[in-house]
Amino acid sequence: MDLGDYVRELEPTEERRKRELARKKSYEILDHMEDVENEFSEVVQGDSLYGSTAPSVFVGRSNYPRVNTGVLQPVASEADASDHATSSDWYGRGLEIDDVLSRRTSLLNSRRKAEVTRPKGERFLEIQQEVAAASEPVDVEVQLDGSPDIDVSLDALRTPTGPNARAVDADLAENPSVPRAVEKALGDGDWKAADAAGYLYEKGLDVYDVQRVFSTGGLGVEDDRRLVPTRWSITAVDDIIGKHLHQEIQTNPELGETRVYYNEYMGNRVWVVLGAGRWEFELVEMKAPGSVWNPRPDGEYYMASASEGYGGRTQYVDETSGAYYASRLGVLEHLDDIGRQAKALVLRAVGEEYWAPVGVWHVREVVRNAFDGPLGWEEASDTDDTGEAGRGAEAESFHDAVDEVADYLPVSRERLRQKSTMYNAVQSGLGDF
């Protein structure tokens, strides 16, 4: 399919309807939290909460190195615990912002204070690690101290969290089912954490599973193992797996063409341009006035960017933070799948419809799935109209691809040129760089 036809077919649809819906949804979460409070009083037996906990945990970062650390359990007794754990399945099912908020804010975080050095013999921390390592939800009984704090915590990187209560003690009501690869990584105290994480990924665990084990201090050289705050562990695992794939693709032949891919999800529109050449990567973000991270309704689009060359990055990305590592991972996975390396530009436009932060997972998934077909999670049913699934659109050159996509971005070419190293080089006629 011609690039121009491809891009025109993917212009935003029903944006006005989505914006109106977003305004309404932002108030519904308050009503939902009242329901959570009522459900909590119904399921607590005395000072204990018994039920199936999702294979999910939470490690805070406030007052580091003495942090809050806990296990997450659905408050509603009839809830499907596995449905509350963050995973790529949420994208596949087309969950929207309110769906994610309702699931995550329905989880009670039964927590207690702990040193990140994970003192040996701390039974609560051992249970937390077993929950994180399990492949299926585990029945846990938690003894609580007092009533929960009914509140919502929203963050750009991790998924939202709901009520929390202080845990006095916890017991497993069954033996968790732990994958053999995880058992091996947990039991090897001579393995560096990055190597162990790469091993788990190669064994078929997704980054969500690796992140949970990493966060509870289950990986690494025995004496160096630490609890890692959830926010930090998400980016750390994306970076670790990204570097692992980066090494793999550096020996691949270069992509021999330029292709453009597109996807949209939760008010985020993403274009991925892959061009011939050695590996390099850039993410450019454009955030609309009135969206989550650019709340002033009368301002202009906020822009941020970060990039790396063939050798990768040596310093942490500040301006685009976790979105950089999440989107880079999606691109590297695709290049590894097709056995190529390429220069890659990811353009992310965030609209007003993105009315609440749900965590960086949605950036990872919208980029990952851009390569699966032009319609994202809605399966393409008519390839004559939408283009060949998973192939995106072909362009004559990287210059042509970026220049044409620029017509559909919410910022001017001049602003894009000022912010994007790759686009600036294209406009300056530098070619490969």
Protein backbone atom coordinates (compact mmCIF):
# COMPACT_ATOMS: atom_id res chain seq x y z
CA MET A 1 0.00 0.00 0.00
CA ASP A 2 1.17 3.54 -0.75
CA LEU A 3 2.35 5.43 2.36
CA GLY A 4 0.03 8.37 1.73
CA ASP A 5 -3.06 6.16 1.49
CA TYR A 6 -1.98 4.23 4.56
CA VAL A 7 -1.54 7.30 6.75
CA ARG A 8 -4.76 8.94 5.56
CA GLU A 9 -6.76 5.82 6.42
CA LEU A 10 -5.35 5.96 9.95
CA GLU A 11 -6.41 9.49 10.81
CA PRO A 12 -8.01 9.70 14.29
CA THR A 13 -11.63 8.55 14.39
CA GLU A 14 -14.39 9.65 16.76
CA GLU A 15 -12.00 11.92 18.67
CA ARG A 16 -14.75 14.32 19.71
CA ARG A 17 -16.82 11.45 21.13
CA LYS A 18 -13.80 10.09 22.99
CA ARG A 19 -13.01 13.48 24.56
CA GLU A 20 -16.57 13.84 25.84
CA LEU A 21 -16.47 10.33 27.22
CA ALA A 22 -13.17 11.05 28.99
CA ARG A 23 -14.66 14.03 30.81
CA LYS A 24 -17.46 11.86 32.16
CA LYS A 25 -15.19 8.96 33.12
CA SER A 26 -12.94 11.14 35.27
CA TYR A 27 -15.73 11.43 37.85
CA GLU A 28 -16.79 7.79 37.82
CA ILE A 29 -13.69 6.64 39.70
CA LEU A 30 -14.89 8.52 42.80
CA ASP A 31 -18.13 6.54 42.83
CA HIS A 32 -16.14 3.35 42.29
CA MET A 33 -14.01 3.96 45.40
CA GLU A 34 -17.16 4.23 47.52
CA ASP A 35 -18.16 0.79 46.24
CA VAL A 36 -14.70 -0.57 47.12
CA GLU A 37 -15.03 0.71 50.68
CA ASN A 38 -18.39 -1.02 51.06
CA GLU A 39 -17.07 -4.28 49.60
CA PHE A 40 -14.10 -4.25 51.94
CA SER A 41 -16.31 -4.16 55.03
CA GLU A 42 -18.21 -7.17 53.68
CA VAL A 43 -15.22 -9.47 53.04
CA VAL A 44 -13.03 -8.77 56.10
CA GLN A 45 -13.53 -11.40 58.80
CA GLY A 46 -12.53 -9.83 62.09
CA ASP A 47 -9.06 -8.47 61.47
CA SER A 48 -8.30 -10.90 58.65
CA LEU A 49 -8.73 -10.82 54.90
CA TYR A 50 -8.80 -14.20 53.21
CA GLY A 51 -8.88 -14.65 49.51
CA SER A 52 -7.09 -15.25 46.25
CA THR A 53 -4.36 -12.74 45.56
CA ALA A 54 -3.28 -11.92 42.02
CA PRO A 55 0.35 -12.85 41.31
CA SER A 56 1.08 -9.23 42.02
CA VAL A 57 2.99 -7.30 44.66
CA PHE A 58 3.86 -3.71 45.39
CA VAL A 59 7.06 -2.14 46.72
CA GLY A 60 6.96 1.57 47.52
CA ARG A 61 9.79 4.07 47.20
CA SER A 62 8.97 6.66 49.89
CA ASN A 63 11.53 6.76 52.72
CA TYR A 64 13.89 4.46 50.81
CA PRO A 65 15.70 2.30 52.01
CA ARG A 66 12.91 1.55 54.52
CA VAL A 67 9.85 1.13 52.32
CA ASN A 68 6.29 -0.15 52.34
CA THR A 69 6.00 -3.55 50.71
CA GLY A 70 2.87 -5.63 50.26
CA VAL A 71 0.72 -8.15 48.44
CA LEU A 72 -2.30 -7.13 46.37
CA GLN A 73 -5.70 -8.80 46.78
CA PRO A 74 -9.05 -8.08 45.10
CA VAL A 75 -11.46 -6.63 47.64
CA ALA A 76 -14.53 -8.23 46.06
CA SER A 77 -14.69 -11.89 47.13
CA GLU A 78 -16.05 -13.07 43.77
CA ALA A 79 -13.43 -11.22 41.70
CA ASP A 80 -11.13 -13.09 39.32
CA ALA A 81 -7.73 -12.42 40.86
CA SER A 82 -5.75 -13.04 37.67
CA ASP A 83 -7.83 -10.41 35.86
CA HIS A 84 -6.39 -7.76 38.19
CA ALA A 85 -2.71 -8.37 37.38
CA THR A 86 -1.14 -6.05 34.82
CA SER A 87 -0.36 -7.96 31.64
CA SER A 88 -0.29 -7.72 27.85
CA ASP A 89 -3.68 -9.44 27.91
CA TRP A 90 -5.29 -6.14 28.87
CA TYR A 91 -4.36 -4.67 25.50
CA GLY A 92 -5.51 -7.79 23.67
CA ARG A 93 -8.93 -7.46 25.28
CA GLY A 94 -9.18 -3.77 24.50
CA LEU A 95 -9.41 -2.58 28.11
CA GLU A 96 -9.86 1.17 28.40
CA ILE A 97 -8.75 3.60 31.09
CA ASP A 98 -11.81 3.14 33.30
CA ASP A 99 -11.47 -0.66 33.04
CA VAL A 100 -7.89 -0.51 34.27
CA LEU A 101 -8.71 1.90 37.07
CA SER A 102 -11.62 -0.20 38.31
CA ARG A 103 -9.45 -3.33 38.41
CA ARG A 104 -6.38 -1.86 40.02
CA THR A 105 -8.17 0.34 42.55
CA SER A 106 -10.16 -2.71 43.67
CA LEU A 107 -6.94 -4.28 44.96
CA LEU A 108 -6.12 -3.97 48.64
CA ASN A 109 -2.43 -3.46 49.29
CA SER A 110 -1.74 -5.29 52.57
CA ARG A 111 1.64 -3.85 53.43
CA ARG A 112 4.26 -3.42 56.09
CA LYS A 113 7.56 -1.62 56.47
CA ALA A 114 10.76 -3.39 55.51
CA GLU A 115 14.40 -2.65 54.81
CA VAL A 116 15.26 -3.13 51.15
CA THR A 117 18.08 -5.45 52.19
CA ARG A 118 15.36 -8.06 52.93
CA PRO A 119 16.40 -9.26 56.42
CA LYS A 120 16.48 -13.05 56.49
CA GLY A 121 13.66 -14.74 58.36
CA GLU A 122 11.09 -12.07 57.50
CA ARG A 123 8.13 -14.36 56.80
CA PHE A 124 6.02 -11.62 55.23
CA LEU A 125 8.73 -10.86 52.66
CA GLU A 126 9.13 -14.56 51.88
CA ILE A 127 5.38 -14.84 51.23
CA GLN A 128 5.48 -11.74 49.06
CA GLN A 129 8.26 -13.28 46.97
CA GLU A 130 6.34 -16.56 46.61
CA VAL A 131 3.29 -14.63 45.41
CA ALA A 132 5.44 -12.76 42.86
CA ALA A 133 7.02 -15.99 41.61
CA ALA A 134 3.73 -17.87 41.21
CA SER A 135 2.30 -18.52 37.77
CA GLU A 136 -1.27 -18.55 39.11
CA PRO A 137 -3.16 -16.68 41.84
CA VAL A 138 -2.45 -17.95 45.35
CA ASP A 139 -4.81 -18.14 48.33
CA VAL A 140 -3.44 -15.94 51.11
CA GLU A 141 -4.77 -15.00 54.54
CA VAL A 142 -3.62 -11.60 55.76
CA GLN A 143 -4.02 -10.34 59.33
CA LEU A 144 -4.64 -6.60 59.29
CA ASP A 145 -4.10 -3.85 61.81
CA GLY A 146 -6.99 -1.43 61.58
CA SER A 147 -9.15 -0.24 58.71
CA PRO A 148 -7.78 0.45 55.23
CA ASP A 149 -6.92 3.84 53.87
CA ILE A 150 -9.31 4.20 50.93
CA ASP A 151 -7.36 6.20 48.40
CA VAL A 152 -6.16 6.12 44.79
CA SER A 153 -2.53 6.47 43.78
CA LEU A 154 -1.82 7.32 40.13
CA ASP A 155 1.60 7.22 38.51
CA ALA A 156 3.09 7.57 35.04
CA LEU A 157 5.06 4.32 35.21
CA ARG A 158 3.28 1.77 37.37
CA THR A 159 -0.38 0.84 37.22
CA PRO A 160 -2.74 2.59 39.68
CA THR A 161 -3.19 1.31 43.22
CA GLY A 162 -6.20 1.46 45.52
CA PRO A 163 -6.76 1.08 49.27
CA ASN A 164 -4.00 -0.01 51.61
CA ALA A 165 -3.86 -1.40 55.13
CA ARG A 166 -1.09 -2.39 57.52
CA ALA A 167 -0.42 -6.12 57.53
CA VAL A 168 0.53 -7.75 60.81
CA ASP A 169 1.10 -11.22 59.39
CA ALA A 170 0.27 -13.40 56.38
CA ASP A 171 0.00 -17.10 55.61
CA LEU A 172 -0.22 -19.06 52.38
CA ALA A 173 -3.24 -21.35 52.21
CA GLU A 174 -1.70 -23.41 49.38
CA ASN A 175 1.62 -24.15 47.73
CA PRO A 176 2.24 -21.74 44.82
CA SER A 177 2.88 -23.09 41.34
CA VAL A 178 6.27 -21.67 40.34
CA PRO A 179 7.75 -22.11 36.83
CA ARG A 180 10.98 -24.10 36.79
CA ALA A 181 12.89 -21.25 35.20
CA VAL A 182 11.87 -18.94 38.05
CA GLU A 183 12.89 -21.54 40.64
CA LYS A 184 16.30 -21.78 38.97
CA ALA A 185 16.77 -17.98 38.99
CA LEU A 186 15.62 -17.65 42.59
CA GLY A 187 17.93 -20.43 43.74
CA ASP A 188 21.09 -19.27 41.98
CA GLY A 189 22.84 -16.80 44.25
CA ASP A 190 25.86 -16.43 41.95
CA TRP A 191 23.91 -15.02 39.02
CA LYS A 192 23.84 -11.28 38.38
CA ALA A 193 20.31 -9.83 38.37
CA ALA A 194 20.54 -8.64 34.74
CA ASP A 195 21.68 -12.06 33.55
CA ALA A 196 18.93 -13.81 35.52
CA ALA A 197 16.30 -11.42 34.11
CA GLY A 198 17.53 -12.06 30.57
CA TYR A 199 17.38 -15.81 31.18
CA LEU A 200 13.76 -15.62 32.37
CA TYR A 201 12.79 -13.58 29.31
CA GLU A 202 14.48 -16.08 27.00
CA LYS A 203 12.56 -18.85 28.76
CA GLY A 204 9.27 -17.25 27.75
CA LEU A 205 8.36 -15.03 30.71
CA ASP A 206 7.03 -11.65 29.67
CA VAL A 207 8.50 -8.49 31.19
CA TYR A 208 5.52 -8.25 33.57
CA ASP A 209 6.44 -11.58 35.17
CA VAL A 210 10.14 -10.76 35.30
CA GLN A 211 9.44 -7.38 36.86
CA ARG A 212 7.49 -8.85 39.77
CA VAL A 213 10.26 -11.29 40.67
CA PHE A 214 12.88 -8.55 40.23
CA SER A 215 10.97 -6.15 42.48
CA THR A 216 10.82 -8.58 45.41
CA GLY A 217 14.59 -9.01 45.44
CA GLY A 218 14.54 -12.54 44.05
CA LEU A 219 17.29 -12.05 41.46
CA GLY A 220 20.99 -11.34 41.69
CA VAL A 221 24.06 -12.29 43.68
CA GLU A 222 22.85 -13.51 47.05
CA ASP A 223 24.47 -10.85 49.23
CA ASP A 224 23.45 -8.04 46.87
CA ARG A 225 19.74 -8.86 46.56
CA ARG A 226 17.43 -5.99 47.39
CA LEU A 227 13.77 -5.05 47.27
CA VAL A 228 13.32 -2.74 44.28
CA PRO A 229 10.48 -0.20 44.33
CA THR A 230 7.85 -1.15 41.75
CA ARG A 231 8.23 2.13 39.85
CA TRP A 232 11.97 1.59 39.49
CA SER A 233 11.75 -2.11 38.69
CA ILE A 234 9.42 -1.55 35.71
CA THR A 235 11.92 0.70 33.95
CA ALA A 236 14.88 -1.41 35.09
CA VAL A 237 13.49 -4.60 33.55
CA ASP A 238 12.51 -2.82 30.31
CA ASP A 239 16.07 -1.50 30.14
CA ILE A 240 17.70 -4.85 31.01
CA ILE A 241 15.70 -6.80 28.42
CA GLY A 242 16.16 -3.97 25.91
CA LYS A 243 19.95 -4.12 26.31
CA HIS A 244 19.81 -7.90 25.97
CA LEU A 245 17.94 -7.60 22.66
CA HIS A 246 20.17 -4.72 21.56
CA GLN A 247 23.17 -7.02 21.74
CA GLU A 248 21.29 -9.66 19.76
CA ILE A 249 20.27 -7.39 16.88
CA GLN A 250 23.64 -5.66 16.46
CA THR A 251 24.89 -8.62 14.43
CA ASN A 252 21.75 -8.75 12.26
CA PRO A 253 21.81 -7.46 8.66
CA GLU A 254 20.38 -3.98 8.17
CA LEU A 255 16.78 -3.52 7.11
CA GLY A 256 16.75 -2.94 3.36
CA GLU A 257 13.69 -0.67 3.18
CA THR A 258 11.77 2.04 5.01
CA ARG A 259 8.47 1.13 6.66
CA VAL A 260 5.91 3.06 8.68
CA TYR A 261 3.68 1.46 11.32
CA TYR A 262 0.79 2.99 13.22
CA ASN A 263 -1.33 2.17 16.25
CA GLU A 264 -3.60 3.94 18.69
CA TYR A 265 -4.81 3.04 22.17
CA MET A 266 -6.18 4.93 25.18
CA GLY A 267 -5.83 8.32 23.54
CA ASN A 268 -2.27 7.56 22.43
CA ARG A 269 -1.39 7.60 18.72
CA VAL A 270 1.96 6.09 17.75
CA TRP A 271 3.90 6.09 14.49
CA VAL A 272 7.00 3.90 14.18
CA VAL A 273 9.33 4.64 11.28
CA LEU A 274 11.99 2.00 10.55
CA GLY A 275 14.70 2.86 8.05
CA ALA A 276 17.73 1.26 6.46
CA GLY A 277 20.90 1.60 8.49
CA ARG A 278 22.55 0.54 11.72
CA TRP A 279 20.62 0.59 14.98
CA GLU A 280 19.68 3.93 16.45
CA PHE A 281 16.54 4.96 18.26
CA GLU A 282 14.57 8.05 19.19
CA LEU A 283 11.28 8.67 20.98
CA VAL A 284 9.49 11.99 20.52
CA GLU A 285 6.41 12.66 22.68
CA MET A 286 3.73 15.28 22.02
CA LYS A 287 1.20 15.79 24.82
CA ALA A 288 -2.00 17.72 24.23
CA PRO A 289 -3.18 20.59 26.41
CA GLY A 290 -5.70 19.14 28.84
CA SER A 291 -4.14 15.67 28.88
CA VAL A 292 -2.72 14.05 32.01
CA TRP A 293 0.82 15.45 31.89
CA ASN A 294 -0.05 18.75 30.24
CA PRO A 295 -3.09 19.87 32.25
CA ARG A 296 -3.33 23.50 31.08
CA PRO A 297 -6.20 23.48 28.55
CA ASP A 298 -5.11 26.73 26.89
CA GLY A 299 -1.44 25.90 26.32
CA GLU A 300 0.41 24.28 23.43
CA TYR A 301 1.52 20.70 23.00
CA TYR A 302 4.26 19.72 25.43
CA MET A 303 7.15 17.96 23.69
CA ALA A 304 9.87 15.67 25.01
CA SER A 305 12.46 13.44 23.36
CA ALA A 306 15.39 11.13 23.97
CA SER A 307 17.64 9.10 21.68
CA GLU A 308 20.56 6.72 21.40
CA GLY A 309 23.07 5.66 18.77
CA TYR A 310 24.42 2.31 17.69
CA GLY A 311 26.17 1.68 21.01
CA GLY A 312 23.07 2.32 23.11
CA ARG A 313 22.67 4.59 26.15
CA THR A 314 24.94 4.86 29.17
CA GLN A 315 22.83 7.35 31.17
CA TYR A 316 19.25 7.21 32.39
CA VAL A 317 16.63 9.04 30.32
CA ASP A 318 14.96 11.82 32.28
CA GLU A 319 12.73 13.69 29.84
CA THR A 320 10.67 10.76 28.51
CA SER A 321 11.59 8.41 31.41
CA GLY A 322 9.83 5.03 31.39
CA ALA A 323 8.06 5.56 28.06
CA TYR A 324 11.45 5.57 26.35
CA TYR A 325 12.47 2.14 27.62
CA ALA A 326 8.99 0.67 27.07
CA SER A 327 8.75 1.84 23.45
CA ARG A 328 12.36 0.89 22.71
CA LEU A 329 11.64 -2.63 23.96
CA GLY A 330 8.70 -2.97 21.56
CA VAL A 331 10.86 -1.95 18.60
CA LEU A 332 13.75 -4.20 19.59
CA GLU A 333 11.43 -7.19 19.98
CA HIS A 334 10.16 -6.66 16.44
CA LEU A 335 13.65 -6.33 14.97
CA ASP A 336 14.74 -9.45 16.82
CA ASP A 337 11.71 -11.31 15.45
CA ILE A 338 12.50 -10.39 11.83
CA GLY A 339 16.28 -10.80 12.20
CA ARG A 340 17.20 -7.23 11.25
CA GLN A 341 18.58 -4.02 12.69
CA ALA A 342 17.41 -0.55 11.68
CA LYS A 343 17.18 3.05 12.70
CA ALA A 344 13.88 3.64 14.46
CA LEU A 345 11.88 6.78 15.19
CA VAL A 346 8.83 6.50 17.46
CA LEU A 347 6.41 9.45 17.47
CA ARG A 348 3.85 9.40 20.28
CA ALA A 349 0.95 11.87 20.35
CA VAL A 350 -1.08 11.92 23.57
CA GLY A 351 -4.60 13.36 23.28
CA GLU A 352 -7.13 14.73 25.76
CA GLU A 353 -8.76 11.31 25.85
CA TYR A 354 -5.87 10.10 28.00
CA TRP A 355 -7.57 11.43 31.12
CA ALA A 356 -5.86 9.36 33.82
CA PRO A 357 -2.42 7.72 34.01
CA VAL A 358 -2.60 3.92 33.90
CA GLY A 359 1.11 3.10 33.88
CA VAL A 360 3.75 2.78 31.20
CA TRP A 361 2.54 -0.71 30.19
CA HIS A 362 0.14 0.81 27.66
CA VAL A 363 3.04 2.52 25.85
CA ARG A 364 4.85 -0.80 25.66
CA GLU A 365 1.78 -2.55 24.25
CA VAL A 366 0.76 0.12 21.74
CA VAL A 367 4.26 -0.03 20.22
CA ARG A 368 4.52 -3.82 20.38
CA ASN A 369 1.22 -4.22 18.59
CA ALA A 370 1.88 -1.58 15.95
CA PHE A 371 3.79 -4.28 14.09
CA ASP A 372 0.97 -6.82 14.24
CA GLY A 373 -1.40 -4.96 11.94
CA PRO A 374 -2.59 -1.45 11.11
CA LEU A 375 -5.69 -1.63 13.29
CA GLY A 376 -4.06 -2.52 16.60
CA TRP A 377 -6.13 -4.78 18.83
CA GLU A 378 -9.06 -4.73 16.37
CA GLU A 379 -8.10 -7.44 13.92
CA ALA A 380 -7.86 -6.28 10.33
CA SER A 381 -10.57 -8.07 8.39
CA ASP A 382 -10.15 -6.50 4.96
CA THR A 383 -6.51 -6.33 3.89
CA ASP A 384 -7.49 -4.71 0.58
CA ASP A 385 -8.62 -1.63 2.48
CA THR A 386 -6.15 -1.56 5.39
CA GLY A 387 -2.92 -2.92 3.95
CA GLU A 388 -1.17 -6.19 4.63
CA ALA A 389 -1.42 -6.99 8.34
CA GLY A 390 1.88 -6.54 10.15
CA ARG A 391 3.57 -4.87 7.17
CA GLY A 392 2.61 -1.25 7.74
CA ALA A 393 3.36 0.91 4.71
CA GLU A 394 6.47 1.25 2.58
CA ALA A 395 8.17 4.55 1.78
CA GLU A 396 10.82 5.51 -0.73
CA SER A 397 13.20 6.75 1.96
CA PHE A 398 13.42 7.60 5.66
CA HIS A 399 13.18 11.27 4.65
CA ASP A 400 9.93 10.69 2.73
CA ALA A 401 8.42 8.61 5.52
CA VAL A 402 9.05 11.11 8.33
CA ASP A 403 8.11 14.08 6.16
CA GLU A 404 4.76 12.57 5.22
CA VAL A 405 3.93 11.41 8.74
CA ALA A 406 4.66 14.97 9.91
CA ASP A 407 1.52 16.10 8.06
CA TYR A 408 -0.57 14.17 10.57
CA LEU A 409 1.18 15.18 13.78
CA PRO A 410 -0.37 17.76 16.14
CA VAL A 411 2.75 19.97 16.05
CA SER A 412 4.43 21.96 13.29
CA ARG A 413 7.40 20.67 11.35
CA GLU A 414 9.49 23.41 12.90
CA ARG A 415 8.72 22.28 16.45
CA LEU A 416 9.38 18.67 15.48
CA ARG A 417 12.70 19.65 13.91
CA GLN A 418 13.72 21.51 17.08
CA LYS A 419 12.95 18.53 19.28
CA SER A 420 13.88 15.51 17.16
CA THR A 421 17.52 14.72 16.39
CA MET A 422 16.52 12.34 13.62
CA TYR A 423 14.07 14.69 11.91
CA ASN A 424 16.50 17.56 12.18
CA ALA A 425 19.14 15.45 10.44
CA VAL A 426 16.64 14.52 7.73
CA GLN A 427 15.77 18.16 7.13
CA SER A 428 19.42 19.10 7.07
CA GLY A 429 20.12 16.48 4.43
CA LEU A 430 22.57 14.58 6.58
CA GLY A 431 21.27 11.19 5.48
CA ASP A 432 22.70 8.32 7.56
CA PHE A 433 24.16 9.47 10.84
